[in-house]
């Protein structure tokens, strides 16, 4: 760690009040690089019921597509959508660029519809 202290003046008046400004800078050492994160398996689950129409479904699709871009090739993912029916858009699979693009297209085609069957 390094520490740097700079003052606006080199002298301080004795026996009188004065205001001085001091700038203190800390620089921490660079964190050691690790081997990266461990692979993850995620399932993206979107509500496509009628209450999600308009901006809500658009934001949900955008959030899911953004999550797909964060996945690495050794990760796995699945995509599920539901209303009164449950559909598996993408079975659990490796997050290859092709699989992620295919999932993004499937999400684009997801529209709000129906209702949510909370009773099963």
N, C-alpha and C. Protein backbone atom coordinates (compact mmCIF):
# COMPACT_ATOMS: atom_id res chain seq x y z
N UNK A 1 0.85 -1.16 0.00
CA UNK A 1 0.00 0.00 0.00
C UNK A 1 0.90 1.23 0.00
N UNK A 2 0.50 2.23 -0.75
CA UNK A 2 1.25 3.49 -0.73
C UNK A 2 0.35 4.59 -0.19
N UNK A 3 0.97 5.54 0.47
CA UNK A 3 0.27 6.66 1.08
C UNK A 3 0.96 7.94 0.65
N UNK A 4 0.18 8.91 0.19
CA UNK A 4 0.75 10.21 -0.21
C UNK A 4 -0.06 11.30 0.47
N UNK A 5 0.65 12.24 1.12
CA UNK A 5 0.00 13.35 1.81
C UNK A 5 0.52 14.65 1.23
N UNK A 6 -0.39 15.50 0.78
CA UNK A 6 -0.03 16.80 0.23
C UNK A 6 -0.76 17.88 1.00
N UNK A 7 -0.03 18.94 1.38
CA UNK A 7 -0.61 20.06 2.10
C UNK A 7 -0.60 21.29 1.21
N UNK A 8 -1.55 22.20 1.44
CA UNK A 8 -1.57 23.42 0.63
C UNK A 8 -0.46 24.40 1.03
N UNK A 9 0.12 24.22 2.20
CA UNK A 9 1.21 25.09 2.68
C UNK A 9 2.25 24.24 3.40
N UNK A 10 3.49 24.69 3.38
CA UNK A 10 4.53 23.95 4.09
C UNK A 10 4.69 24.42 5.53
N UNK A 11 4.15 25.59 5.87
CA UNK A 11 4.25 26.13 7.23
C UNK A 11 2.87 26.35 7.81
N UNK A 12 2.79 26.26 9.16
CA UNK A 12 1.54 26.55 9.86
C UNK A 12 1.84 27.67 10.85
N UNK A 13 1.01 28.71 10.83
CA UNK A 13 1.22 29.87 11.69
C UNK A 13 1.04 29.46 13.16
N UNK A 14 2.01 29.83 14.01
CA UNK A 14 1.96 29.52 15.43
C UNK A 14 1.11 30.56 16.15
N UNK A 15 0.31 30.12 17.10
CA UNK A 15 -0.43 31.03 17.95
C UNK A 15 -1.62 31.70 17.29
N UNK A 16 -2.01 31.31 16.12
CA UNK A 16 -3.16 31.92 15.45
C UNK A 16 -3.97 30.83 14.74
N UNK A 17 -5.23 31.13 14.54
CA UNK A 17 -6.09 30.19 13.83
C UNK A 17 -5.83 30.28 12.34
N UNK A 18 -5.87 29.17 11.69
CA UNK A 18 -5.74 29.16 10.23
C UNK A 18 -6.40 27.88 9.70
N UNK A 19 -6.72 27.92 8.45
CA UNK A 19 -7.31 26.76 7.79
C UNK A 19 -6.31 26.22 6.79
N UNK A 20 -6.08 24.94 6.84
CA UNK A 20 -5.16 24.30 5.91
C UNK A 20 -5.88 23.13 5.25
N UNK A 21 -5.49 22.85 4.04
CA UNK A 21 -6.09 21.75 3.30
C UNK A 21 -5.03 20.68 3.07
N UNK A 22 -5.44 19.45 3.31
CA UNK A 22 -4.54 18.31 3.14
C UNK A 22 -5.24 17.29 2.24
N UNK A 23 -4.50 16.81 1.27
CA UNK A 23 -5.01 15.75 0.40
C UNK A 23 -4.26 14.48 0.75
N UNK A 24 -5.02 13.44 1.10
CA UNK A 24 -4.44 12.16 1.45
C UNK A 24 -4.86 11.15 0.38
N UNK A 25 -3.89 10.50 -0.23
CA UNK A 25 -4.17 9.50 -1.27
C UNK A 25 -3.64 8.15 -0.83
N UNK A 26 -4.50 7.14 -0.92
CA UNK A 26 -4.13 5.76 -0.63
C UNK A 26 -4.19 4.99 -1.94
N UNK A 27 -3.22 4.14 -2.16
CA UNK A 27 -3.26 3.25 -3.31
C UNK A 27 -3.04 1.83 -2.80
N UNK A 28 -4.06 1.02 -2.96
CA UNK A 28 -3.97 -0.37 -2.51
C UNK A 28 -3.25 -1.20 -3.56
N UNK A 29 -2.56 -2.24 -3.14
CA UNK A 29 -1.91 -3.10 -4.13
C UNK A 29 -2.98 -3.80 -4.98
N UNK A 30 -2.61 -4.17 -6.17
CA UNK A 30 -3.54 -4.86 -7.06
C UNK A 30 -3.87 -6.23 -6.48
N UNK A 31 -5.15 -6.56 -6.54
CA UNK A 31 -5.60 -7.87 -6.03
C UNK A 31 -5.04 -8.97 -6.91
N UNK A 32 -4.63 -10.06 -6.30
CA UNK A 32 -4.12 -11.16 -7.11
C UNK A 32 -5.22 -11.72 -8.01
N UNK A 33 -4.85 -12.07 -9.20
CA UNK A 33 -5.81 -12.63 -10.16
C UNK A 33 -6.04 -14.11 -9.82
N UNK A 34 -7.29 -14.48 -9.81
CA UNK A 34 -7.62 -15.88 -9.56
C UNK A 34 -7.88 -16.56 -10.90
N UNK A 35 -8.13 -17.82 -10.86
CA UNK A 35 -8.36 -18.58 -12.07
C UNK A 35 -9.74 -18.36 -12.67
N UNK A 36 -10.48 -17.36 -12.21
CA UNK A 36 -11.82 -17.11 -12.72
C UNK A 36 -12.85 -17.75 -11.82
N UNK A 37 -14.07 -17.61 -12.18
CA UNK A 37 -15.14 -18.17 -11.36
C UNK A 37 -15.44 -19.61 -11.77
N UNK A 38 -16.08 -20.30 -10.88
CA UNK A 38 -16.47 -21.68 -11.18
C UNK A 38 -17.68 -21.66 -12.10
N UNK A 39 -17.87 -22.69 -12.91
CA UNK A 39 -19.03 -22.75 -13.79
C UNK A 39 -20.34 -22.75 -12.98
N UNK A 40 -21.37 -22.16 -13.55
CA UNK A 40 -22.68 -22.10 -12.91
C UNK A 40 -23.72 -22.77 -13.80
N UNK A 41 -24.79 -23.19 -13.16
CA UNK A 41 -25.97 -23.68 -13.87
C UNK A 41 -27.14 -22.82 -13.42
N UNK A 42 -27.80 -22.16 -14.37
CA UNK A 42 -28.92 -21.28 -14.03
C UNK A 42 -30.14 -21.64 -14.87
N UNK A 43 -31.30 -21.38 -14.30
CA UNK A 43 -32.56 -21.50 -15.03
C UNK A 43 -33.22 -20.13 -15.00
N UNK A 44 -33.50 -19.60 -16.17
CA UNK A 44 -34.21 -18.33 -16.29
C UNK A 44 -35.69 -18.65 -16.41
N UNK A 45 -36.50 -18.12 -15.50
CA UNK A 45 -37.93 -18.42 -15.47
C UNK A 45 -38.69 -17.11 -15.61
N UNK A 46 -39.49 -17.01 -16.68
CA UNK A 46 -40.24 -15.79 -16.96
C UNK A 46 -41.74 -16.02 -16.87
N UNK A 47 -42.40 -15.10 -16.19
CA UNK A 47 -43.86 -15.07 -16.14
C UNK A 47 -44.35 -14.40 -17.42
N UNK A 48 -45.13 -15.10 -18.21
CA UNK A 48 -45.65 -14.51 -19.45
C UNK A 48 -47.17 -14.34 -19.38
N UNK A 49 -47.71 -14.33 -18.16
CA UNK A 49 -49.16 -14.19 -18.01
C UNK A 49 -49.61 -12.80 -18.46
N UNK A 50 -50.90 -12.64 -18.63
CA UNK A 50 -51.46 -11.38 -19.12
C UNK A 50 -51.07 -10.17 -18.28
N UNK A 51 -50.85 -10.37 -16.99
CA UNK A 51 -50.46 -9.23 -16.13
C UNK A 51 -49.07 -8.69 -16.48
N UNK A 52 -48.33 -9.43 -17.29
CA UNK A 52 -46.98 -9.01 -17.71
C UNK A 52 -46.99 -8.28 -19.05
N UNK A 53 -48.15 -7.95 -19.58
CA UNK A 53 -48.21 -7.34 -20.91
C UNK A 53 -47.51 -5.98 -20.95
N UNK A 54 -47.13 -5.59 -22.16
CA UNK A 54 -46.53 -4.28 -22.38
C UNK A 54 -45.08 -4.21 -21.92
N UNK A 55 -44.79 -3.15 -21.18
CA UNK A 55 -43.42 -2.86 -20.74
C UNK A 55 -42.86 -3.96 -19.84
N UNK A 56 -43.71 -4.57 -19.02
CA UNK A 56 -43.23 -5.59 -18.07
C UNK A 56 -42.60 -6.78 -18.79
N UNK A 57 -43.28 -7.31 -19.81
CA UNK A 57 -42.73 -8.48 -20.51
C UNK A 57 -41.48 -8.08 -21.29
N UNK A 58 -41.49 -6.86 -21.85
CA UNK A 58 -40.31 -6.40 -22.58
C UNK A 58 -39.10 -6.31 -21.65
N UNK A 59 -39.30 -5.75 -20.46
CA UNK A 59 -38.20 -5.65 -19.49
C UNK A 59 -37.75 -7.03 -19.01
N UNK A 60 -38.68 -7.94 -18.81
CA UNK A 60 -38.32 -9.30 -18.38
C UNK A 60 -37.49 -10.00 -19.46
N UNK A 61 -37.90 -9.85 -20.73
CA UNK A 61 -37.13 -10.46 -21.83
C UNK A 61 -35.73 -9.85 -21.90
N UNK A 62 -35.66 -8.52 -21.78
CA UNK A 62 -34.36 -7.84 -21.84
C UNK A 62 -33.45 -8.29 -20.70
N UNK A 63 -34.00 -8.42 -19.50
CA UNK A 63 -33.20 -8.87 -18.35
C UNK A 63 -32.69 -10.29 -18.57
N UNK A 64 -33.54 -11.16 -19.08
CA UNK A 64 -33.13 -12.55 -19.33
C UNK A 64 -32.05 -12.60 -20.41
N UNK A 65 -32.22 -11.81 -21.46
CA UNK A 65 -31.22 -11.79 -22.53
C UNK A 65 -29.89 -11.22 -22.03
N UNK A 66 -29.96 -10.24 -21.14
CA UNK A 66 -28.73 -9.70 -20.54
C UNK A 66 -28.04 -10.75 -19.70
N UNK A 67 -28.81 -11.53 -18.96
CA UNK A 67 -28.23 -12.61 -18.15
C UNK A 67 -27.51 -13.62 -19.04
N UNK A 68 -28.08 -13.90 -20.20
CA UNK A 68 -27.45 -14.85 -21.13
C UNK A 68 -26.07 -14.38 -21.57
N UNK A 69 -25.91 -13.07 -21.75
CA UNK A 69 -24.61 -12.54 -22.21
C UNK A 69 -23.52 -12.69 -21.15
N UNK A 70 -23.91 -12.87 -19.89
CA UNK A 70 -22.94 -13.00 -18.81
C UNK A 70 -22.43 -14.43 -18.64
N UNK A 71 -23.09 -15.37 -19.29
CA UNK A 71 -22.69 -16.77 -19.17
C UNK A 71 -21.43 -17.05 -19.97
N UNK A 72 -20.65 -17.99 -19.48
CA UNK A 72 -19.43 -18.42 -20.16
C UNK A 72 -19.66 -19.81 -20.75
N UNK A 73 -18.79 -20.21 -21.64
CA UNK A 73 -18.98 -21.46 -22.39
C UNK A 73 -19.11 -22.70 -21.49
N UNK A 74 -18.47 -22.69 -20.31
CA UNK A 74 -18.56 -23.87 -19.44
C UNK A 74 -19.74 -23.80 -18.47
N UNK A 75 -20.56 -22.76 -18.57
CA UNK A 75 -21.79 -22.67 -17.78
C UNK A 75 -22.89 -23.46 -18.47
N UNK A 76 -23.98 -23.70 -17.73
CA UNK A 76 -25.17 -24.33 -18.31
C UNK A 76 -26.36 -23.46 -17.98
N UNK A 77 -27.39 -23.53 -18.84
CA UNK A 77 -28.59 -22.74 -18.58
C UNK A 77 -29.82 -23.43 -19.18
N UNK A 78 -30.98 -23.01 -18.68
CA UNK A 78 -32.27 -23.43 -19.21
C UNK A 78 -33.18 -22.21 -19.18
N UNK A 79 -34.20 -22.22 -20.03
CA UNK A 79 -35.17 -21.12 -20.05
C UNK A 79 -36.57 -21.72 -19.97
N UNK A 80 -37.35 -21.23 -18.99
CA UNK A 80 -38.72 -21.69 -18.77
C UNK A 80 -39.63 -20.46 -18.78
N UNK A 81 -40.80 -20.59 -19.43
CA UNK A 81 -41.81 -19.53 -19.39
C UNK A 81 -43.11 -20.16 -18.90
N UNK A 82 -43.94 -19.35 -18.23
CA UNK A 82 -45.19 -19.90 -17.71
C UNK A 82 -46.30 -18.86 -17.70
N UNK A 83 -47.50 -19.36 -17.79
CA UNK A 83 -48.76 -18.66 -17.52
C UNK A 83 -49.65 -19.75 -16.93
N UNK A 84 -50.79 -20.06 -17.57
CA UNK A 84 -51.53 -21.24 -17.09
C UNK A 84 -50.88 -22.52 -17.57
N UNK A 85 -49.91 -22.38 -18.48
CA UNK A 85 -49.11 -23.52 -18.96
C UNK A 85 -47.63 -23.23 -18.71
N UNK A 86 -46.86 -24.28 -18.58
CA UNK A 86 -45.40 -24.15 -18.40
C UNK A 86 -44.74 -24.70 -19.65
N UNK A 87 -43.86 -23.90 -20.25
CA UNK A 87 -43.13 -24.34 -21.44
C UNK A 87 -41.63 -24.24 -21.19
N UNK A 88 -40.93 -25.29 -21.56
CA UNK A 88 -39.48 -25.31 -21.49
C UNK A 88 -38.95 -24.83 -22.84
N UNK A 89 -38.51 -23.58 -22.90
CA UNK A 89 -38.00 -23.02 -24.16
C UNK A 89 -36.64 -23.59 -24.51
N UNK A 90 -35.79 -23.74 -23.49
CA UNK A 90 -34.44 -24.27 -23.71
C UNK A 90 -34.15 -25.26 -22.59
N UNK A 91 -33.90 -26.52 -22.97
CA UNK A 91 -33.50 -27.52 -21.98
C UNK A 91 -32.12 -27.16 -21.45
N UNK A 92 -31.79 -27.65 -20.28
CA UNK A 92 -30.47 -27.39 -19.71
C UNK A 92 -29.40 -27.80 -20.71
N UNK A 93 -28.56 -26.83 -21.06
CA UNK A 93 -27.53 -27.08 -22.06
C UNK A 93 -26.33 -26.18 -21.82
N UNK A 94 -25.18 -26.54 -22.39
CA UNK A 94 -24.00 -25.68 -22.27
C UNK A 94 -24.28 -24.31 -22.89
N UNK A 95 -23.68 -23.29 -22.31
CA UNK A 95 -23.92 -21.90 -22.74
C UNK A 95 -23.02 -21.52 -23.90
N UNK A 96 -23.07 -22.28 -24.96
CA UNK A 96 -22.29 -21.94 -26.15
C UNK A 96 -22.88 -20.69 -26.79
N UNK A 97 -22.09 -19.97 -27.59
CA UNK A 97 -22.64 -18.79 -28.27
C UNK A 97 -23.88 -19.12 -29.10
N UNK A 98 -23.87 -20.26 -29.77
CA UNK A 98 -25.03 -20.65 -30.59
C UNK A 98 -26.26 -20.88 -29.71
N UNK A 99 -26.09 -21.58 -28.60
CA UNK A 99 -27.22 -21.86 -27.69
C UNK A 99 -27.76 -20.57 -27.09
N UNK A 100 -26.87 -19.64 -26.75
CA UNK A 100 -27.33 -18.37 -26.18
C UNK A 100 -28.09 -17.55 -27.21
N UNK A 101 -27.63 -17.54 -28.47
CA UNK A 101 -28.35 -16.82 -29.52
C UNK A 101 -29.72 -17.44 -29.76
N UNK A 102 -29.79 -18.76 -29.78
CA UNK A 102 -31.06 -19.46 -29.97
C UNK A 102 -32.03 -19.12 -28.82
N UNK A 103 -31.52 -19.07 -27.61
CA UNK A 103 -32.36 -18.74 -26.45
C UNK A 103 -32.85 -17.29 -26.54
N UNK A 104 -31.97 -16.39 -26.96
CA UNK A 104 -32.36 -14.98 -27.09
C UNK A 104 -33.48 -14.83 -28.11
N UNK A 105 -33.42 -15.58 -29.21
CA UNK A 105 -34.49 -15.54 -30.22
C UNK A 105 -35.79 -16.09 -29.66
N UNK A 106 -35.70 -17.17 -28.90
CA UNK A 106 -36.90 -17.75 -28.29
C UNK A 106 -37.52 -16.76 -27.30
N UNK A 107 -36.69 -16.04 -26.57
CA UNK A 107 -37.20 -15.03 -25.64
C UNK A 107 -37.87 -13.89 -26.40
N UNK A 108 -37.29 -13.48 -27.53
CA UNK A 108 -37.89 -12.43 -28.35
C UNK A 108 -39.32 -12.78 -28.76
N UNK A 109 -39.56 -14.05 -29.00
CA UNK A 109 -40.87 -14.51 -29.45
C UNK A 109 -41.86 -14.69 -28.29
N UNK A 110 -41.41 -14.50 -27.06
CA UNK A 110 -42.27 -14.70 -25.90
C UNK A 110 -43.16 -13.48 -25.70
N UNK A 111 -44.47 -13.71 -25.68
CA UNK A 111 -45.43 -12.61 -25.50
C UNK A 111 -46.31 -12.91 -24.29
N UNK A 112 -46.81 -11.85 -23.67
CA UNK A 112 -47.73 -12.02 -22.55
C UNK A 112 -49.05 -12.59 -23.06
N UNK A 113 -49.63 -13.49 -22.27
CA UNK A 113 -50.89 -14.11 -22.65
C UNK A 113 -51.50 -14.79 -21.43
N UNK A 114 -52.73 -15.16 -21.52
CA UNK A 114 -53.38 -15.99 -20.51
C UNK A 114 -53.35 -15.43 -19.11
N UNK A 115 -53.42 -16.35 -18.16
CA UNK A 115 -53.40 -16.00 -16.74
C UNK A 115 -52.43 -16.92 -16.03
N UNK A 116 -52.22 -16.69 -14.75
CA UNK A 116 -51.30 -17.53 -13.99
C UNK A 116 -52.12 -18.52 -13.16
N UNK A 117 -51.86 -19.79 -13.34
CA UNK A 117 -52.55 -20.84 -12.60
C UNK A 117 -51.77 -21.11 -11.31
N UNK A 118 -52.13 -20.40 -10.24
CA UNK A 118 -51.39 -20.55 -8.98
C UNK A 118 -51.79 -21.81 -8.21
N UNK A 119 -52.91 -22.40 -8.56
CA UNK A 119 -53.38 -23.59 -7.84
C UNK A 119 -52.81 -24.88 -8.40
N UNK A 120 -52.34 -24.84 -9.64
CA UNK A 120 -51.76 -26.03 -10.26
C UNK A 120 -52.82 -26.94 -10.77
